[in-house]
Protein backbone atom coordinates (compact mmCIF):
# COMPACT_ATOMS: atom_id res chain seq x y z
CA UNK A 1 2.66 -65.38 7.04
CA UNK A 2 1.07 -62.48 7.33
CA UNK A 3 0.42 -62.30 10.88
CA UNK A 4 4.15 -63.78 10.96
CA UNK A 5 5.43 -60.41 9.38
CA UNK A 6 3.49 -58.20 11.68
CA UNK A 7 4.99 -60.13 14.61
CA UNK A 8 8.89 -59.75 13.54
CA UNK A 9 7.82 -55.78 12.81
CA UNK A 10 6.37 -55.07 16.06
CA UNK A 11 9.28 -56.88 17.76
CA UNK A 12 11.66 -54.26 15.77
CA UNK A 13 9.06 -51.12 16.52
CA UNK A 14 12.25 -49.12 17.63
CA UNK A 15 13.60 -49.76 14.79
CA UNK A 16 10.94 -49.20 12.44
CA UNK A 17 9.36 -46.39 13.75
CA UNK A 18 11.73 -44.08 11.70
CA UNK A 19 11.21 -45.85 8.65
CA UNK A 20 7.17 -45.48 9.44
CA UNK A 21 7.92 -41.76 10.44
CA UNK A 22 9.15 -40.89 7.14
CA UNK A 23 6.95 -42.93 5.14
CA UNK A 24 3.94 -41.29 6.53
CA UNK A 25 5.68 -37.37 5.97
CA UNK A 26 6.24 -38.63 2.03
CA UNK A 27 3.39 -39.63 1.90
CA UNK A 28 1.21 -36.30 3.31
CA UNK A 29 3.62 -34.30 1.16
CA UNK A 30 2.26 -36.36 -1.84
CA UNK A 31 -1.24 -35.67 -1.23
CA UNK A 32 -0.33 -32.14 -0.62
CA UNK A 33 1.08 -32.23 -4.66
CA UNK A 34 -1.22 -33.94 -6.35
CA UNK A 35 -4.00 -32.35 -4.70
CA UNK A 36 -2.40 -29.47 -6.29
CA UNK A 37 -1.97 -31.16 -9.48
CA UNK A 38 -5.04 -32.75 -9.71
CA UNK A 39 -7.00 -29.16 -9.18
CA UNK A 40 -5.06 -27.57 -12.01
CA UNK A 41 -5.81 -30.69 -14.39
CA UNK A 42 -9.48 -30.57 -13.54
CA UNK A 43 -9.18 -26.75 -14.18
CA UNK A 44 -7.48 -27.08 -16.92
CA UNK A 45 -8.88 -29.37 -18.81
CA UNK A 46 -12.38 -27.57 -18.64
CA UNK A 47 -13.08 -24.90 -21.77
CA UNK A 48 -11.86 -21.38 -21.31
CA UNK A 49 -15.46 -19.86 -21.96
CA UNK A 50 -13.97 -16.93 -24.02
CA UNK A 51 -11.46 -16.33 -26.32
CA UNK A 52 -8.28 -13.45 -26.00
CA UNK A 53 -6.89 -13.68 -29.33
CA UNK A 54 -6.87 -10.56 -31.09
CA UNK A 55 -8.06 -8.55 -28.50
CA UNK A 56 -6.42 -5.88 -26.70
CA UNK A 57 -6.72 -4.13 -22.87
CA UNK A 58 -6.82 -0.52 -22.46
CA UNK A 59 -6.40 1.28 -19.31
CA UNK A 60 -6.50 4.84 -18.43
CA UNK A 61 -6.91 7.67 -15.95
CA UNK A 62 -9.41 9.94 -17.41
CA UNK A 63 -10.71 12.48 -15.26
CA UNK A 64 -13.66 14.53 -16.48
CA UNK A 65 -13.93 18.51 -16.22
CA UNK A 66 -17.71 18.42 -16.91
CA UNK A 67 -20.28 17.50 -14.24
CA UNK A 68 -22.95 16.71 -16.84
CA UNK A 69 -22.73 13.20 -17.07
CA UNK A 70 -25.01 13.51 -20.77
CA UNK A 71 -21.23 15.35 -21.86
CA UNK A 72 -19.49 12.17 -20.51
CA UNK A 73 -21.45 9.74 -22.65
CA UNK A 74 -20.89 12.28 -25.47
CA UNK A 75 -17.55 12.18 -25.06
CA UNK A 76 -17.47 8.50 -24.81
CA UNK A 77 -19.15 7.81 -27.69
CA UNK A 78 -16.79 10.02 -29.59
CA UNK A 79 -13.93 8.02 -28.94
CA UNK A 80 -15.59 4.66 -29.56
CA UNK A 81 -16.26 6.08 -32.97
CA UNK A 82 -12.45 7.33 -33.73
CA UNK A 83 -11.35 3.99 -32.86
CA UNK A 84 -13.78 1.81 -35.29
CA UNK A 85 -12.75 4.21 -37.51
CA UNK A 86 -9.44 2.51 -37.93
CA UNK A 87 -9.70 -0.46 -40.21
CA UNK A 88 -8.03 -2.75 -37.70
CA UNK A 89 -10.18 -2.44 -34.79
CA UNK A 90 -13.16 -4.59 -35.10
CA UNK A 91 -15.34 -3.65 -32.02
CA UNK A 92 -14.92 -1.69 -28.58
CA UNK A 93 -16.27 -2.24 -25.11
CA UNK A 94 -16.11 -0.20 -21.77
CA UNK A 95 -15.52 -2.23 -19.12
CA UNK A 96 -14.61 -2.57 -15.35
CA UNK A 97 -11.09 -2.89 -14.14
CA UNK A 98 -11.12 -5.92 -13.70
CA UNK A 99 -10.74 -6.99 -17.12
CA UNK A 100 -10.08 -10.96 -18.30
CA UNK A 101 -6.36 -12.26 -16.72
CA UNK A 102 -5.25 -8.44 -14.73
CA UNK A 103 -5.87 -9.83 -11.19
CA UNK A 104 -8.22 -7.70 -9.90
CA UNK A 105 -11.28 -8.89 -8.26
CA UNK A 106 -14.41 -6.67 -7.31
CA UNK A 107 -17.02 -8.50 -5.38
CA UNK A 108 -20.17 -8.62 -3.58
CA UNK A 109 -23.23 -11.26 -2.34
CA UNK A 110 -26.19 -12.26 -3.74
CA UNK A 111 -29.11 -13.73 -1.59
CA UNK A 112 -31.86 -15.52 -3.34
CA UNK A 113 -34.62 -16.61 -0.90
CA UNK A 114 -32.79 -19.01 1.50
CA UNK A 115 -29.82 -18.88 0.29
CA UNK A 116 -26.53 -16.87 0.27
CA UNK A 117 -23.80 -16.43 -1.91
CA UNK A 118 -21.00 -14.45 -0.99
CA UNK A 119 -17.26 -13.98 -3.31
CA UNK A 120 -19.58 -12.94 -6.81
CA UNK A 121 -17.12 -11.06 -9.23
CA UNK A 122 -19.10 -8.32 -10.66
CA UNK A 123 -18.50 -6.94 -13.98
CA UNK A 124 -19.56 -3.52 -15.41
CA UNK A 125 -19.62 -3.93 -19.47
CA UNK A 126 -21.08 -2.87 -22.73
CA UNK A 127 -23.57 -4.44 -24.82
CA UNK A 128 -20.67 -5.41 -27.16
CA UNK A 129 -18.58 -6.87 -24.23
CA UNK A 130 -19.86 -10.67 -25.20
CA UNK A 131 -19.29 -10.50 -29.19
CA UNK A 132 -15.16 -9.47 -28.09
CA UNK A 133 -14.75 -12.27 -25.97
CA UNK A 134 -16.79 -14.72 -27.67
CA UNK A 135 -18.65 -15.27 -24.07
CA UNK A 136 -21.00 -18.66 -24.93
CA UNK A 137 -24.71 -17.73 -23.83
CA UNK A 138 -26.11 -20.92 -22.32
CA UNK A 139 -30.02 -19.37 -21.55
CA UNK A 140 -31.86 -16.34 -22.45
CA UNK A 141 -29.60 -14.00 -24.09
CA UNK A 142 -27.39 -11.15 -24.24
CA UNK A 143 -27.77 -7.36 -23.03
CA UNK A 144 -29.06 -5.16 -25.97
CA UNK A 145 -30.62 -1.21 -26.56
CA UNK A 146 -34.27 -2.53 -25.32
CA UNK A 147 -32.89 -3.27 -21.71
CA UNK A 148 -32.62 0.67 -20.63
CA UNK A 149 -36.98 0.43 -20.34
CA UNK A 150 -36.52 -2.73 -18.06
CA UNK A 151 -38.07 -1.59 -14.59
CA UNK A 152 -35.79 -3.72 -12.85
CA UNK A 153 -32.14 -3.41 -13.79
CA UNK A 154 -30.96 -6.99 -16.13
CA UNK A 155 -28.18 -9.28 -15.26
CA UNK A 156 -26.30 -11.48 -16.99
CA UNK A 157 -24.95 -14.63 -14.79
CA UNK A 158 -22.55 -17.61 -15.35
CA UNK A 159 -23.32 -21.06 -15.33
CA UNK A 160 -21.74 -21.36 -11.44
CA UNK A 161 -23.95 -19.24 -10.08
CA UNK A 162 -27.00 -20.03 -11.64
CA UNK A 163 -26.00 -23.75 -10.48
CA UNK A 164 -25.67 -22.20 -7.06
CA UNK A 165 -29.23 -19.97 -6.56
CA UNK A 166 -31.49 -21.98 -8.96
CA UNK A 167 -29.71 -25.38 -9.16
CA UNK A 168 -31.50 -26.98 -12.34
CA UNK A 169 -34.33 -24.51 -11.86
CA UNK A 170 -34.87 -21.74 -14.47
CA UNK A 171 -32.97 -19.05 -14.32
CA UNK A 172 -34.21 -16.49 -16.54
CA UNK A 173 -36.53 -13.99 -15.38
CA UNK A 174 -35.63 -14.46 -11.41
CA UNK A 175 -35.16 -11.06 -9.72
CA UNK A 176 -32.16 -11.87 -7.57
CA UNK A 177 -31.17 -9.64 -4.25
CA UNK A 178 -32.52 -8.18 -1.36
CA UNK A 179 -35.07 -5.94 -0.46
CA UNK A 180 -38.27 -5.03 -2.00
CA UNK A 181 -38.66 -6.83 -5.75
CA UNK A 182 -38.31 -2.68 -7.22
CA UNK A 183 -34.75 -3.14 -6.28
CA UNK A 184 -33.46 -6.75 -7.37
CA UNK A 185 -32.61 -7.34 -10.35
CA UNK A 186 -33.62 -9.56 -13.54
CA UNK A 187 -31.97 -12.48 -14.77
CA UNK A 188 -31.98 -12.40 -18.90
CA UNK A 189 -28.96 -14.59 -19.20
CA UNK A 190 -26.43 -17.72 -18.47
CA UNK A 191 -23.25 -17.89 -20.06
CA UNK A 192 -20.62 -20.81 -19.60
CA UNK A 193 -17.99 -20.06 -16.94
CA UNK A 194 -15.10 -17.61 -18.57
CA UNK A 195 -11.79 -18.63 -16.75
CA UNK A 196 -10.76 -14.92 -16.55
CA UNK A 197 -7.96 -16.22 -13.90
CA UNK A 198 -6.02 -18.19 -16.20
CA UNK A 199 -6.49 -21.67 -17.00
CA UNK A 200 -5.55 -23.66 -13.91
CA UNK A 201 -7.66 -21.72 -12.29
CA UNK A 202 -11.84 -22.11 -11.24
CA UNK A 203 -13.83 -19.57 -12.85
CA UNK A 204 -15.57 -18.78 -9.59
CA UNK A 205 -18.98 -17.18 -9.53
CA UNK A 206 -19.44 -14.02 -12.01
CA UNK A 207 -22.27 -11.31 -12.84
CA UNK A 208 -22.75 -8.87 -15.76
CA UNK A 209 -24.18 -5.74 -15.65
CA UNK A 210 -24.11 -2.89 -17.94
CA UNK A 211 -22.73 0.05 -17.35
CA UNK A 212 -24.98 3.09 -17.12
CA UNK A 213 -24.79 6.90 -16.72
CA UNK A 214 -24.39 6.85 -13.18
CA UNK A 215 -21.36 4.74 -13.60
CA UNK A 216 -19.85 5.96 -16.67
CA UNK A 217 -17.58 8.20 -15.15
CA UNK A 218 -15.44 5.82 -13.11
CA UNK A 219 -14.79 3.76 -15.80
CA UNK A 220 -11.31 3.65 -16.71
CA UNK A 221 -10.68 0.44 -18.91
CA UNK A 222 -11.82 -0.85 -22.37
CA UNK A 223 -10.99 -4.21 -24.86
CA UNK A 224 -10.69 -3.65 -28.18
CA UNK A 225 -10.79 -6.23 -30.71
CA UNK A 226 -8.41 -6.12 -33.35
CA UNK A 227 -8.01 -7.81 -36.98
CA UNK A 228 -5.80 -10.53 -37.71
CA UNK A 229 -2.36 -8.87 -38.65
CA UNK A 230 -2.44 -5.86 -35.97
CA UNK A 231 1.25 -5.61 -35.15
CA UNK A 232 3.64 -2.90 -33.38
CA UNK A 233 3.04 -0.29 -35.62
CA UNK A 234 -0.61 -0.64 -35.42
CA UNK A 235 -0.53 -0.42 -31.28
CA UNK A 236 1.65 2.93 -31.93
CA UNK A 237 -1.09 4.72 -33.96
CA UNK A 238 -3.87 3.45 -31.25
CA UNK A 239 -1.86 4.82 -28.49
CA UNK A 240 -1.35 7.87 -30.09
CA UNK A 241 -5.01 8.38 -31.04
CA UNK A 242 -6.19 7.30 -27.04
CA UNK A 243 -3.28 9.67 -26.02
CA UNK A 244 -4.68 12.65 -28.34
CA UNK A 245 -8.04 12.06 -27.11
CA UNK A 246 -7.32 11.64 -23.47
CA UNK A 247 -5.03 14.46 -22.37
CA UNK A 248 -2.62 12.70 -19.43
CA UNK A 249 -4.80 10.12 -19.12
CA UNK A 250 -1.80 7.61 -18.63
CA UNK A 251 -2.73 5.17 -21.30
CA UNK A 252 -1.44 1.25 -21.20
CA UNK A 253 -2.13 -0.93 -24.04
CA UNK A 254 -1.57 -4.80 -22.78
CA UNK A 255 -2.67 -8.05 -25.35
CA UNK A 256 -4.88 -10.61 -23.43
CA UNK A 257 -2.48 -13.11 -24.81
CA UNK A 258 0.15 -11.43 -22.89
CA UNK A 259 -1.22 -11.47 -19.72
CA UNK A 260 -2.67 -14.84 -20.45
CA UNK A 261 0.98 -15.95 -20.08
CA UNK A 262 1.77 -14.07 -17.05
CA UNK A 263 -0.72 -15.31 -14.98
CA UNK A 264 -0.76 -18.89 -15.89
CA UNK A 265 2.82 -18.92 -15.03
CA UNK A 266 2.30 -17.23 -11.79
CA UNK A 267 -0.46 -20.00 -10.83
CA UNK A 268 2.20 -22.68 -11.88
CA UNK A 269 5.11 -21.19 -9.14
CA UNK A 270 3.28 -22.29 -6.05
CA UNK A 271 3.24 -26.34 -7.83
CA UNK A 272 7.02 -25.73 -9.10
CA UNK A 273 7.82 -24.43 -5.82
CA UNK A 274 6.14 -27.99 -3.78
CA UNK A 275 6.92 -30.42 -6.50
CA UNK A 276 10.87 -29.70 -6.21
CA UNK A 277 10.83 -30.05 -2.18
CA UNK A 278 8.78 -32.80 -2.24
CA UNK A 279 10.84 -34.09 -4.75
CA UNK A 280 14.01 -33.42 -2.24
CA UNK A 281 11.93 -35.27 0.50
CA UNK A 282 11.17 -38.33 -1.64
CA UNK A 283 14.73 -38.77 -2.37
CA UNK A 284 15.66 -38.58 1.03
CA UNK A 285 13.25 -40.81 1.81
CA UNK A 286 14.09 -43.35 -1.22
CA UNK A 287 17.77 -43.44 0.12
CA UNK A 288 16.50 -44.28 4.19
CA UNK A 289 14.37 -46.93 3.04
CA UNK A 290 17.20 -48.08 1.04
CA UNK A 291 19.83 -47.66 3.72
CA UNK A 292 17.47 -48.96 6.46
CA UNK A 293 16.81 -52.65 4.29
CA UNK A 294 20.58 -52.49 3.86
CA UNK A 295 21.21 -52.50 7.58
CA UNK A 296 18.87 -54.92 8.30
CA UNK A 297 20.26 -57.09 5.90
CA UNK A 298 23.43 -57.28 7.19
CA UNK A 299 22.06 -57.85 10.96
CA UNK A 300 19.87 -60.38 9.98
CA UNK A 301 22.03 -62.65 8.09
CA UNK A 302 22.40 -65.22 10.72
CA UNK A 303 18.65 -65.43 10.87
CA UNK A 304 18.89 -65.48 6.78
CA UNK A 305 21.36 -67.99 6.60
CA UNK A 306 19.30 -70.42 9.20
CA UNK A 307 16.11 -70.32 6.93
CA UNK A 308 18.22 -70.87 3.94
CA UNK A 309 19.91 -73.84 6.21
CA UNK A 310 16.59 -75.64 6.74
CA UNK A 311 15.42 -74.82 3.59
CA UNK A 312 13.85 -72.19 2.48
CA UNK A 313 14.44 -70.53 -1.45
CA UNK A 314 16.13 -67.16 -2.56
CA UNK A 315 13.01 -66.02 -3.09
CA UNK A 316 11.23 -66.95 -0.19
CA UNK A 317 13.47 -64.58 1.59
CA UNK A 318 13.43 -61.73 -0.98
CA UNK A 319 9.44 -61.82 -0.67
CA UNK A 320 9.54 -61.83 2.95
CA UNK A 321 11.76 -59.11 3.11
CA UNK A 322 9.55 -56.98 0.42
CA UNK A 323 7.13 -57.80 2.10
CA UNK A 324 7.64 -56.35 5.32
CA UNK A 325 8.34 -53.15 3.64
CA UNK A 326 5.30 -53.70 2.07
CA UNK A 327 3.26 -54.09 5.36
CA UNK A 328 5.32 -51.31 6.95
CA UNK A 329 4.20 -48.51 4.55
CA UNK A 330 0.42 -50.18 4.75
CA UNK A 331 0.54 -49.14 8.24
CA UNK A 332 2.16 -45.77 7.46
CA UNK A 333 -0.55 -45.08 4.82
CA UNK A 334 -3.54 -45.78 7.21
CA UNK A 335 -2.55 -43.50 9.47
CA UNK A 336 -2.04 -41.03 6.57
CA UNK A 337 -4.80 -41.65 4.92
CA UNK A 338 -7.18 -40.68 8.42
CA UNK A 339 -5.68 -37.42 8.12
CA UNK A 340 -6.03 -36.76 4.11
CA UNK A 341 -10.13 -38.50 4.52
CA UNK A 342 -10.81 -35.33 6.66
CA UNK A 343 -10.16 -32.83 4.05
CA UNK A 344 -13.37 -33.44 1.78
CA UNK A 345 -15.15 -34.55 4.95
CA UNK A 346 -14.48 -30.87 6.51
CA UNK A 347 -14.76 -29.52 3.02
CA UNK A 348 -11.52 -27.99 3.70
CA UNK A 349 -10.68 -25.11 0.66
CA UNK A 350 -13.94 -25.69 -0.48
CA UNK A 351 -12.54 -28.71 -3.25
CA UNK A 352 -14.44 -30.69 -4.78
CA UNK A 353 -14.56 -33.85 -2.80
CA UNK A 354 -13.20 -36.11 -5.92
CA UNK A 355 -10.12 -33.99 -6.23
CA UNK A 356 -8.96 -35.08 -2.48
CA UNK A 357 -9.87 -38.83 -3.13
CA UNK A 358 -8.14 -38.89 -6.51
CA UNK A 359 -4.79 -37.29 -4.93
CA UNK A 360 -5.17 -40.16 -1.76
CA UNK A 361 -5.50 -42.97 -4.41
CA UNK A 362 -2.14 -41.31 -6.47
CA UNK A 363 -0.16 -40.25 -3.26
CA UNK A 364 -1.12 -43.98 -2.16
CA UNK A 365 -0.05 -46.11 -5.40
CA UNK A 366 2.95 -43.55 -5.97
CA UNK A 367 3.89 -44.67 -2.01
CA UNK A 368 3.87 -48.34 -2.85
CA UNK A 369 6.22 -48.39 -6.15
CA UNK A 370 8.42 -46.01 -4.10
CA UNK A 371 8.34 -48.39 -1.07
CA UNK A 372 8.51 -51.87 -3.41
CA UNK A 373 10.90 -50.04 -5.84
CA UNK A 374 13.48 -49.28 -2.40
CA UNK A 375 13.19 -52.67 -1.14
CA UNK A 376 13.78 -55.30 -4.43
CA UNK A 377 17.54 -55.24 -4.63
CA UNK A 378 17.87 -55.02 -0.78
CA UNK A 379 15.83 -58.57 -1.49
CA UNK A 380 17.88 -59.55 -3.94
CA UNK A 381 21.01 -59.31 -1.98
CA UNK A 382 19.40 -61.56 0.73
CA UNK A 383 18.41 -64.16 -1.80
CA UNK A 384 21.85 -64.04 -2.66
CA UNK A 385 23.12 -64.97 1.00
CA UNK A 386 25.06 -68.27 0.89
CA UNK A 387 23.76 -69.97 4.27
CA UNK A 388 26.98 -71.77 5.09
CA UNK A 389 28.71 -68.41 4.89
CA UNK A 390 26.34 -66.66 7.29
CA UNK A 391 25.83 -68.78 9.32
CA UNK A 392 30.22 -69.10 10.02
CA UNK A 393 29.48 -65.30 10.44
CA UNK A 394 27.24 -65.81 13.03
């Protein structure tokens, strides 16, 4: 029977070409949509790796007239002590401009033996940074004052970077970087991947280094952990304290929780736009399928009436039309799957192969369900054709 149905489809290849093209295009669009949805879900279900509640970010533009680095260090120590004297402030840490959820990047490359890794996010921070954000130490330790005496500059990396450089091997105590050993950095800790770019975006590769006296002059951000219940009134008080300490500093205070909401909304915009476009396309494809099948039934009333007259049941007529539609969908999906399978094979967009394969499976299931739903009612109408009436019309 299947061979016979393929023959019928081939004999009407010109009529079915448009329908096959519609199914193919809808499948490719669905594959793209489901790839994005699976990617977002894959990132969303991973732990955040840090906390943002009761953490405020302060940005400022402080210029120093002193050329003495020690004076700058003393100045920042005085500012931090002033902030810590406020009862609502629990901890303070200076940090580089790529704060969590701020969509700023500072990246560099690392070479370890024959392995070269690019696009590593670099974070310059202080010792209190991990406690403020609640970073989870997986191996080794975080920075402390003893790191000043290290021969090699200490560095903490996230788990993704550790897997890229060392796999499942030992990372603690290893030296990474180019050049002689004295210029390399020593890994002292590995932290769980923090999703600093939002809940729907991958954590990426990250390394953390202590702010030293050589670059403290250029620091323009800090994180402040506040006690629960800190409100707008305390924010105004905090702003006044910072503004008095940083003359012409253009102080700005933001909540990390608000930044998290904003970056998540921003990440969802492309998905929403693509979903709306694909929805219109799917509706058009569904209407096209329904219309073509309805037209085919009217064109084949004589054929259907003859089959009913020689003993074919209404159910078999309905099954034939539905099966023809499903076989046509199979042809379109075979062509579409050939193109879709190239994405994991060629590692397009550097996404895990499982995301593409899951999206491929979901798109195939959705297209089959769409074709089935669109063909059931026309098939039912074909089953209700009476032989005498059909043959009389013919």
